[in-house]
C-alpha atoms as a PDB file:
ATOM      1  CA  MET A   1       9.081 -23.596  -7.512  1.00  0.00           C
ATOM      2  CA  LYS A   2      12.090 -22.279  -9.423  1.00  0.00           C
ATOM      3  CA  ALA A   3      13.201 -18.731 -10.162  1.00  0.00           C
ATOM      4  CA  GLN A   4      15.917 -17.055 -12.191  1.00  0.00           C
ATOM      5  CA  VAL A   5      18.845 -15.257 -10.580  1.00  0.00           C
ATOM      6  CA  LYS A   6      19.647 -12.096 -12.533  1.00  0.00           C
ATOM      7  CA  THR A   7      23.015 -10.442 -13.007  1.00  0.00           C
ATOM      8  CA  ILE A   8      23.341  -6.700 -12.387  1.00  0.00           C
ATOM      9  CA  GLU A   9      23.594  -6.274 -16.172  1.00  0.00           C
ATOM     10  CA  GLY A  10      20.141  -7.821 -16.645  1.00  0.00           C
ATOM     11  CA  GLY A  11      21.187 -11.267 -17.797  1.00  0.00           C
ATOM     12  CA  VAL A  12      20.353 -14.626 -16.245  1.00  0.00           C
ATOM     13  CA  ALA A  13      23.033 -16.146 -13.997  1.00  0.00           C
ATOM     14  CA  LYS A  14      21.254 -19.390 -13.044  1.00  0.00           C
ATOM     15  CA  ASP A  15      18.063 -20.963 -11.756  1.00  0.00           C
ATOM     16  CA  ILE A  16      17.473 -21.702  -8.067  1.00  0.00           C
ATOM     17  CA  GLU A  17      14.831 -23.558  -6.102  1.00  0.00           C
ATOM     18  CA  LEU A  18      12.744 -21.224  -3.931  1.00  0.00           C
ATOM     19  CA  PRO A  19      12.128 -22.031  -0.233  1.00  0.00           C
ATOM     20  CA  SER A  20       8.910 -23.799   0.625  1.00  0.00           C
ATOM     21  CA  MET A  21       7.337 -20.697   2.200  1.00  0.00           C
ATOM     22  CA  PHE A  22       6.873 -19.219  -1.284  1.00  0.00           C
ATOM     23  CA  LYS A  23       4.150 -21.871  -1.755  1.00  0.00           C
ATOM     24  CA  GLU A  24       2.218 -20.890   1.384  1.00  0.00           C
ATOM     25  CA  GLU A  25      -1.520 -20.277   0.992  1.00  0.00           C
ATOM     26  CA  TYR A  26      -2.668 -16.656   0.770  1.00  0.00           C
ATOM     27  CA  ARG A  27      -4.314 -15.576   4.045  1.00  0.00           C
ATOM     28  CA  PRO A  28      -5.249 -11.858   3.878  1.00  0.00           C
ATOM     29  CA  ASP A  29      -7.065 -12.122   7.221  1.00  0.00           C
ATOM     30  CA  LEU A  30      -3.920 -13.228   9.060  1.00  0.00           C
ATOM     31  CA  ILE A  31      -1.780 -10.665   7.228  1.00  0.00           C
ATOM     32  CA  ARG A  32      -4.128  -7.883   8.290  1.00  0.00           C
ATOM     33  CA  LYS A  33      -4.136  -9.116  11.888  1.00  0.00           C
ATOM     34  CA  ALA A  34      -0.330  -9.330  12.019  1.00  0.00           C
ATOM     35  CA  VAL A  35       0.184  -5.852  10.542  1.00  0.00           C
ATOM     36  CA  LEU A  36      -2.321  -4.314  12.973  1.00  0.00           C
ATOM     37  CA  ALA A  37      -0.565  -6.016  15.901  1.00  0.00           C
ATOM     38  CA  LEU A  38       2.770  -4.657  14.705  1.00  0.00           C
ATOM     39  CA  GLN A  39       1.438  -1.122  14.189  1.00  0.00           C
ATOM     40  CA  SER A  40      -0.215  -1.097  17.605  1.00  0.00           C
ATOM     41  CA  THR A  41       3.180  -1.319  19.321  1.00  0.00           C
ATOM     42  CA  ARG A  42       4.004   2.164  17.969  1.00  0.00           C
ATOM     43  CA  ARG A  43       0.950   3.845  19.455  1.00  0.00           C
ATOM     44  CA  GLN A  44       1.738   6.406  22.150  1.00  0.00           C
ATOM     45  CA  PRO A  45      -0.390   6.168  25.312  1.00  0.00           C
ATOM     46  CA  HIS A  46      -2.120   9.407  26.268  1.00  0.00           C
ATOM     47  CA  GLY A  47      -4.762  10.421  28.760  1.00  0.00           C
ATOM     48  CA  THR A  48      -6.360  13.406  30.440  1.00  0.00           C
ATOM     49  CA  TYR A  49      -5.580  14.891  33.832  1.00  0.00           C
ATOM     50  CA  PRO A  50      -7.623  12.755  36.290  1.00  0.00           C
ATOM     51  CA  TYR A  51      -9.194  15.806  37.964  1.00  0.00           C
ATOM     52  CA  ALA A  52      -9.896  17.759  34.770  1.00  0.00           C
ATOM     53  CA  GLY A  53     -13.328  19.432  34.911  1.00  0.00           C
ATOM     54  CA  ILE A  54     -14.013  18.669  38.566  1.00  0.00           C
ATOM     55  CA  CYS A  55     -11.635  21.127  40.238  1.00  0.00           C
ATOM     56  CA  SER A  56     -14.361  23.538  41.379  1.00  0.00           C
ATOM     57  CA  SER A  57     -16.366  24.270  44.512  1.00  0.00           C
ATOM     58  CA  ALA A  58     -19.669  23.414  42.857  1.00  0.00           C
ATOM     59  CA  VAL A  59     -22.406  21.799  44.956  1.00  0.00           C
ATOM     60  CA  GLY A  60     -26.059  21.114  44.232  1.00  0.00           C
ATOM     61  CA  TRP A  61     -28.826  23.418  45.541  1.00  0.00           C
ATOM     62  CA  GLY A  62     -30.920  20.537  46.741  1.00  0.00           C
ATOM     63  CA  SER A  63     -34.725  20.294  46.629  1.00  0.00           C
ATOM     64  CA  GLY A  64     -37.285  23.061  46.819  1.00  0.00           C
ATOM     65  CA  ARG A  65     -35.946  25.541  44.284  1.00  0.00           C
ATOM     66  CA  GLY A  66     -37.490  24.170  41.112  1.00  0.00           C
ATOM     67  CA  ALA A  67     -34.057  23.496  39.575  1.00  0.00           C
ATOM     68  CA  SER A  68     -32.164  20.318  38.730  1.00  0.00           C
ATOM     69  CA  HIS A  69     -29.838  18.852  41.326  1.00  0.00           C
ATOM     70  CA  VAL A  70     -26.628  19.310  39.311  1.00  0.00           C
ATOM     71  CA  PRO A  71     -23.563  20.808  41.039  1.00  0.00           C
ATOM     72  CA  ARG A  72     -23.505  24.591  40.644  1.00  0.00           C
ATOM     73  CA  ILE A  73     -20.714  27.126  41.125  1.00  0.00           C
ATOM     74  CA  LYS A  74     -20.883  28.653  44.633  1.00  0.00           C
ATOM     75  CA  ASN A  75     -21.068  32.302  43.510  1.00  0.00           C
ATOM     76  CA  GLY A  76     -23.535  31.759  40.671  1.00  0.00           C
ATOM     77  CA  SER A  77     -25.972  29.361  39.083  1.00  0.00           C
ATOM     78  CA  ARG A  78     -23.821  27.856  36.344  1.00  0.00           C
ATOM     79  CA  ALA A  79     -23.608  24.058  36.483  1.00  0.00           C
ATOM     80  CA  ALA A  80     -20.212  22.372  36.711  1.00  0.00           C
ATOM     81  CA  LYS A  81     -18.459  19.014  37.223  1.00  0.00           C
ATOM     82  CA  VAL A  82     -21.052  16.859  35.425  1.00  0.00           C
ATOM     83  CA  PRO A  83     -20.546  15.858  31.746  1.00  0.00           C
ATOM     84  CA  GLN A  84     -23.780  17.506  30.544  1.00  0.00           C
ATOM     85  CA  ALA A  85     -22.748  20.910  31.915  1.00  0.00           C
ATOM     86  CA  ARG A  86     -20.896  23.524  29.903  1.00  0.00           C
ATOM     87  CA  GLY A  87     -17.315  23.442  31.186  1.00  0.00           C
ATOM     88  CA  GLY A  88     -17.933  20.178  33.047  1.00  0.00           C
ATOM     89  CA  ARG A  89     -15.831  17.041  32.926  1.00  0.00           C
ATOM     90  CA  GLU A  90     -15.568  14.818  29.885  1.00  0.00           C
ATOM     91  CA  ALA A  91     -17.823  11.762  30.034  1.00  0.00           C
ATOM     92  CA  HIS A  92     -15.337   9.047  29.021  1.00  0.00           C
ATOM     93  CA  PRO A  93     -11.882  10.604  28.552  1.00  0.00           C
ATOM     94  CA  PRO A  94      -8.887   8.581  27.280  1.00  0.00           C
ATOM     95  CA  VAL A  95      -6.865   6.999  30.072  1.00  0.00           C
ATOM     96  CA  VAL A  96      -3.188   6.017  30.060  1.00  0.00           C
ATOM     97  CA  ALA A  97      -4.060   2.633  31.571  1.00  0.00           C
ATOM     98  CA  LYS A  98      -5.823   1.492  28.394  1.00  0.00           C
ATOM     99  CA  VAL A  99      -4.068  -1.442  26.699  1.00  0.00           C
ATOM    100  CA  LEU A 100      -3.263  -0.305  23.151  1.00  0.00           C
ATOM    101  CA  VAL A 101      -1.102  -3.216  21.975  1.00  0.00           C
ATOM    102  CA  LYS A 102      -3.043  -5.872  20.079  1.00  0.00           C
ATOM    103  CA  GLN A 103      -2.039  -9.481  20.612  1.00  0.00           C
ATOM    104  CA  ILE A 104      -1.500 -12.178  18.009  1.00  0.00           C
ATOM    105  CA  ASN A 105      -0.645 -15.845  18.466  1.00  0.00           C
ATOM    106  CA  GLN A 106       2.909 -16.788  17.553  1.00  0.00           C
ATOM    107  CA  LYS A 107       1.848 -19.425  15.022  1.00  0.00           C
ATOM    108  CA  GLU A 108      -0.597 -16.980  13.415  1.00  0.00           C
ATOM    109  CA  LYS A 109       2.187 -14.400  13.157  1.00  0.00           C
ATOM    110  CA  GLN A 110       4.537 -16.916  11.551  1.00  0.00           C
ATOM    111  CA  LYS A 111       1.898 -18.076   9.082  1.00  0.00           C
ATOM    112  CA  ALA A 112       1.056 -14.459   8.224  1.00  0.00           C
ATOM    113  CA  PHE A 113       4.740 -13.808   7.445  1.00  0.00           C
ATOM    114  CA  ARG A 114       4.986 -16.874   5.210  1.00  0.00           C
ATOM    115  CA  SER A 115       1.736 -15.912   3.487  1.00  0.00           C
ATOM    116  CA  ALA A 116       3.023 -12.367   2.829  1.00  0.00           C
ATOM    117  CA  VAL A 117       6.240 -13.794   1.353  1.00  0.00           C
ATOM    118  CA  ALA A 118       4.233 -16.098  -0.906  1.00  0.00           C
ATOM    119  CA  ALA A 119       1.994 -13.192  -1.974  1.00  0.00           C
ATOM    120  CA  SER A 120       5.051 -11.314  -3.257  1.00  0.00           C
ATOM    121  CA  VAL A 121       5.433 -13.863  -6.091  1.00  0.00           C
ATOM    122  CA  ARG A 122       1.786 -13.814  -7.184  1.00  0.00           C
ATOM    123  CA  GLU A 123       1.434 -11.801 -10.355  1.00  0.00           C
ATOM    124  CA  ASP A 124      -2.215 -10.870  -9.740  1.00  0.00           C
ATOM    125  CA  LEU A 125      -1.547  -9.489  -6.249  1.00  0.00           C
ATOM    126  CA  VAL A 126       1.568  -7.530  -7.259  1.00  0.00           C
ATOM    127  CA  ARG A 127      -0.204  -5.990 -10.256  1.00  0.00           C
ATOM    128  CA  GLY A 128      -3.246  -5.384  -8.051  1.00  0.00           C
ATOM    129  CA  ARG A 129      -1.168  -3.145  -5.782  1.00  0.00           C
ATOM    130  CA  GLY A 130      -0.418  -0.961  -8.801  1.00  0.00           C
ATOM    131  CA  HIS A 131       3.245  -1.908  -9.267  1.00  0.00           C
ATOM    132  CA  LEU A 132       4.760  -1.403 -12.715  1.00  0.00           C
ATOM    133  CA  TYR A 133       7.434  -3.790 -13.982  1.00  0.00           C
ATOM    134  CA  ASP A 134       8.486  -5.934 -16.909  1.00  0.00           C
ATOM    135  CA  GLY A 135       9.115  -9.654 -16.677  1.00  0.00           C
ATOM    136  CA  ALA A 136       8.149 -12.055 -13.913  1.00  0.00           C
ATOM    137  CA  VAL A 137       8.291 -12.081 -10.133  1.00  0.00           C
ATOM    138  CA  PRO A 138      10.189 -12.722  -7.933  1.00  0.00           C
ATOM    139  CA  VAL A 139      13.148 -10.543  -8.964  1.00  0.00           C
ATOM    140  CA  ILE A 140      16.312 -12.105  -7.543  1.00  0.00           C
ATOM    141  CA  PHE A 141      19.775 -10.596  -8.044  1.00  0.00           C
ATOM    142  CA  GLU A 142      23.128 -12.260  -7.602  1.00  0.00           C
ATOM    143  CA  ASP A 143      24.929 -11.363  -4.362  1.00  0.00           C
ATOM    144  CA  LYS A 144      27.118  -8.901  -6.248  1.00  0.00           C
ATOM    145  CA  PHE A 145      24.102  -6.554  -6.150  1.00  0.00           C
ATOM    146  CA  GLU A 146      24.722  -5.969  -2.419  1.00  0.00           C
ATOM    147  CA  SER A 147      28.184  -4.506  -3.103  1.00  0.00           C
ATOM    148  CA  LEU A 148      26.872  -1.644  -5.264  1.00  0.00           C
ATOM    149  CA  ASN A 149      27.644   1.529  -3.310  1.00  0.00           C
ATOM    150  CA  ARG A 150      26.438   4.214  -5.702  1.00  0.00           C
ATOM    151  CA  THR A 151      22.797   5.053  -6.355  1.00  0.00           C
ATOM    152  CA  LYS A 152      23.424   5.407 -10.106  1.00  0.00           C
ATOM    153  CA  ASP A 153      24.648   1.796 -10.197  1.00  0.00           C
ATOM    154  CA  ILE A 154      21.508   0.651  -8.351  1.00  0.00           C
ATOM    155  CA  ILE A 155      19.345   2.519 -10.871  1.00  0.00           C
ATOM    156  CA  SER A 156      21.187   0.859 -13.763  1.00  0.00           C
ATOM    157  CA  ALA A 157      20.681  -2.612 -12.282  1.00  0.00           C
ATOM    158  CA  LEU A 158      16.993  -2.013 -11.539  1.00  0.00           C
ATOM    159  CA  THR A 159      16.448  -0.604 -15.036  1.00  0.00           C
ATOM    160  CA  ALA A 160      18.095  -3.668 -16.562  1.00  0.00           C
ATOM    161  CA  ALA A 161      15.783  -5.867 -14.474  1.00  0.00           C
ATOM    162  CA  GLY A 162      12.717  -3.924 -15.694  1.00  0.00           C
ATOM    163  CA  VAL A 163      11.537  -2.610 -12.306  1.00  0.00           C
ATOM    164  CA  TYR A 164      12.813   0.979 -12.194  1.00  0.00           C
ATOM    165  CA  GLN A 165       9.583   2.295 -13.733  1.00  0.00           C
ATOM    166  CA  ASP A 166       7.861   1.478 -10.445  1.00  0.00           C
ATOM    167  CA  ILE A 167      10.175   3.908  -8.608  1.00  0.00           C
ATOM    168  CA  GLU A 168       9.283   6.611 -11.141  1.00  0.00           C
ATOM    169  CA  ARG A 169       5.604   5.886 -10.459  1.00  0.00           C
ATOM    170  CA  ALA A 170       6.189   6.429  -6.723  1.00  0.00           C
ATOM    171  CA  LYS A 171       8.161   9.616  -7.366  1.00  0.00           C
ATOM    172  CA  GLU A 172       5.330  11.115  -9.418  1.00  0.00           C
ATOM    173  CA  SER A 173       2.786  10.270  -6.692  1.00  0.00           C
ATOM    174  CA  ARG A 174       4.356  12.593  -4.092  1.00  0.00           C
ATOM    175  CA  LYS A 175       1.844  15.241  -3.004  1.00  0.00           C
ATOM    176  CA  VAL A 176       1.019  17.493  -0.063  1.00  0.00           C
ATOM    177  CA  ARG A 177      -1.176  15.812   2.525  1.00  0.00           C
ATOM    178  CA  ALA A 178      -4.666  17.185   3.148  1.00  0.00           C
ATOM    179  CA  GLY A 179      -5.484  18.347   6.670  1.00  0.00           C
ATOM    180  CA  ARG A 180      -3.562  19.210   9.820  1.00  0.00           C
ATOM    181  CA  GLY A 181      -1.051  16.419   9.344  1.00  0.00           C
ATOM    182  CA  LYS A 182       0.963  18.638   7.002  1.00  0.00           C
ATOM    183  CA  MET A 183       1.965  20.719  10.055  1.00  0.00           C
ATOM    184  CA  ARG A 184       2.930  17.689  12.145  1.00  0.00           C
ATOM    185  CA  GLY A 185       5.979  16.321  10.401  1.00  0.00           C
ATOM    186  CA  ARG A 186       4.118  14.339   7.725  1.00  0.00           C
ATOM    187  CA  ARG A 187       3.579  16.988   5.070  1.00  0.00           C
ATOM    188  CA  TYR A 188       3.923  14.707   2.052  1.00  0.00           C
ATOM    189  CA  LYS A 189       2.271  11.472   1.005  1.00  0.00           C
ATOM    190  CA  GLN A 190       3.929   9.075  -1.417  1.00  0.00           C
ATOM    191  CA  ARG A 191       3.153   5.607  -2.738  1.00  0.00           C
ATOM    192  CA  LYS A 192       5.269   2.624  -1.723  1.00  0.00           C
ATOM    193  CA  SER A 193       7.580   1.193  -4.349  1.00  0.00           C
ATOM    194  CA  LEU A 194      10.177  -1.583  -4.178  1.00  0.00           C
ATOM    195  CA  LEU A 195      11.230  -3.537  -1.120  1.00  0.00           C
ATOM    196  CA  ILE A 196      14.898  -4.534  -1.363  1.00  0.00           C
ATOM    197  CA  VAL A 197      15.901  -7.457   0.867  1.00  0.00           C
ATOM    198  CA  THR A 198      19.610  -8.205   1.353  1.00  0.00           C
ATOM    199  CA  THR A 199      21.599 -10.637   3.482  1.00  0.00           C
ATOM    200  CA  GLU A 200      23.891  -8.850   5.959  1.00  0.00           C
ATOM    201  CA  GLU A 201      23.488  -5.059   5.635  1.00  0.00           C
ATOM    202  CA  PRO A 202      20.637  -2.896   4.277  1.00  0.00           C
ATOM    203  CA  LEU A 203      21.463  -1.531   0.826  1.00  0.00           C
ATOM    204  CA  ARG A 204      22.305   2.042   1.866  1.00  0.00           C
ATOM    205  CA  SER A 205      22.831   3.255  -1.692  1.00  0.00           C
ATOM    206  CA  ALA A 206      19.125   2.623  -2.480  1.00  0.00           C
ATOM    207  CA  ARG A 207      17.634   4.424   0.527  1.00  0.00           C
ATOM    208  CA  ASN A 208      17.009   7.721  -1.258  1.00  0.00           C
ATOM    209  CA  LEU A 209      15.034   6.212  -4.126  1.00  0.00           C
ATOM    210  CA  ALA A 210      11.357   7.229  -4.030  1.00  0.00           C
ATOM    211  CA  GLY A 211       9.128   4.802  -2.144  1.00  0.00           C
ATOM    212  CA  VAL A 212      11.898   2.223  -1.667  1.00  0.00           C
ATOM    213  CA  ASP A 213      12.471   0.382   1.632  1.00  0.00           C
ATOM    214  CA  VAL A 214      15.728  -1.469   2.276  1.00  0.00           C
ATOM    215  CA  VAL A 215      15.985  -4.191   4.942  1.00  0.00           C
ATOM    216  CA  THR A 216      17.988  -7.299   5.689  1.00  0.00           C
ATOM    217  CA  VAL A 217      16.267 -10.661   5.701  1.00  0.00           C
ATOM    218  CA  ASP A 218      16.543 -10.717   9.515  1.00  0.00           C
ATOM    219  CA  GLN A 219      14.759  -7.346   9.783  1.00  0.00           C
ATOM    220  CA  LEU A 220      12.002  -8.353   7.370  1.00  0.00           C
ATOM    221  CA  ASN A 221       8.473  -8.355   8.802  1.00  0.00           C
ATOM    222  CA  VAL A 222       4.875  -8.547   7.589  1.00  0.00           C
ATOM    223  CA  GLU A 223       4.423  -4.774   7.376  1.00  0.00           C
ATOM    224  CA  HIS A 224       7.357  -4.487   4.955  1.00  0.00           C
ATOM    225  CA  LEU A 225       5.766  -7.092   2.686  1.00  0.00           C
ATOM    226  CA  ALA A 226       2.194  -5.810   3.075  1.00  0.00           C
ATOM    227  CA  PRO A 227       2.187  -2.026   3.664  1.00  0.00           C
ATOM    228  CA  GLY A 228      -1.303  -0.799   4.410  1.00  0.00           C
ATOM    229  CA  MET A 229      -2.248  -4.432   5.156  1.00  0.00           C
ATOM    230  CA  GLN A 230      -2.344  -5.173   1.414  1.00  0.00           C
ATOM    231  CA  ALA A 231      -0.024  -8.001   0.400  1.00  0.00           C
ATOM    232  CA  GLY A 232       1.758  -8.354  -2.927  1.00  0.00           C
ATOM    233  CA  ARG A 233       4.550  -5.794  -2.698  1.00  0.00           C
ATOM    234  CA  LEU A 234       7.101  -5.834  -5.514  1.00  0.00           C
ATOM    235  CA  THR A 235      10.156  -7.266  -3.732  1.00  0.00           C
ATOM    236  CA  ILE A 236      13.777  -7.440  -4.860  1.00  0.00           C
ATOM    237  CA  TRP A 237      15.794 -10.258  -3.280  1.00  0.00           C
ATOM    238  CA  THR A 238      19.430 -11.214  -3.389  1.00  0.00           C
ATOM    239  CA  GLU A 239      20.358 -14.868  -3.749  1.00  0.00           C
ATOM    240  CA  GLY A 240      21.840 -14.954  -0.246  1.00  0.00           C
ATOM    241  CA  ALA A 241      18.672 -13.430   1.254  1.00  0.00           C
ATOM    242  CA  VAL A 242      16.494 -16.089  -0.371  1.00  0.00           C
ATOM    243  CA  THR A 243      18.798 -18.813   0.952  1.00  0.00           C
ATOM    244  CA  ARG A 244      18.692 -17.398   4.501  1.00  0.00           C
ATOM    245  CA  LEU A 245      14.917 -17.034   4.303  1.00  0.00           C
ATOM    246  CA  GLU A 246      14.645 -20.807   4.545  1.00  0.00           C
ATOM    247  CA  GLY A 247      15.678 -20.669   8.197  1.00  0.00           C
ATOM    248  CA  LYS A 248      13.299 -17.863   9.278  1.00  0.00           C
END
């Protein structure tokens, strides 16, 4: 499979042969499994106080009083300690000892990564995610793209390549989240846009663009390529990143 390498002015520099992983079969089941395993490592363990709801002097009345044998507060008749009682303990509270991290086999993880990379060059999957762009995928820039240190220069290069309209789509999608989450540090929701993959350093000048993620090829993982477990993200590569991808 061949692809064009674009100049930052929008022209074509040359054609290159893509690594073999771009021909990997599409496995949405493995991609979903790998993303879930990755997300599970960020979950924070939490649990209740072990003695919550049972710190009382309640004891049962025993037989002969025509009442159930639930523990009752010493100076009254209110039931306590048991889950069915008002103010009693919780039946099955969360415990810190629960294993939250989901496991995935190493070969499954590797195949999921290759499948997510291959999905990024499938026109139907990229369009299916809602991305807007002109031309064909993948979009590969010459290595000179990594040296751009001003956001306006990045915008010019992306516009010339026909993909900047996708960033505008993400910018217009920004809205206030419904529910309590807006008070917990995640007030806004916004669609994902481009993923920019470089060779040595993340492209810092593109970080503030709406919905854009910038990573090096060594930092690249399945969740970057398939946010929300849906593969086919519009990805911008540099020539050096594609070359290094062969050894991942």
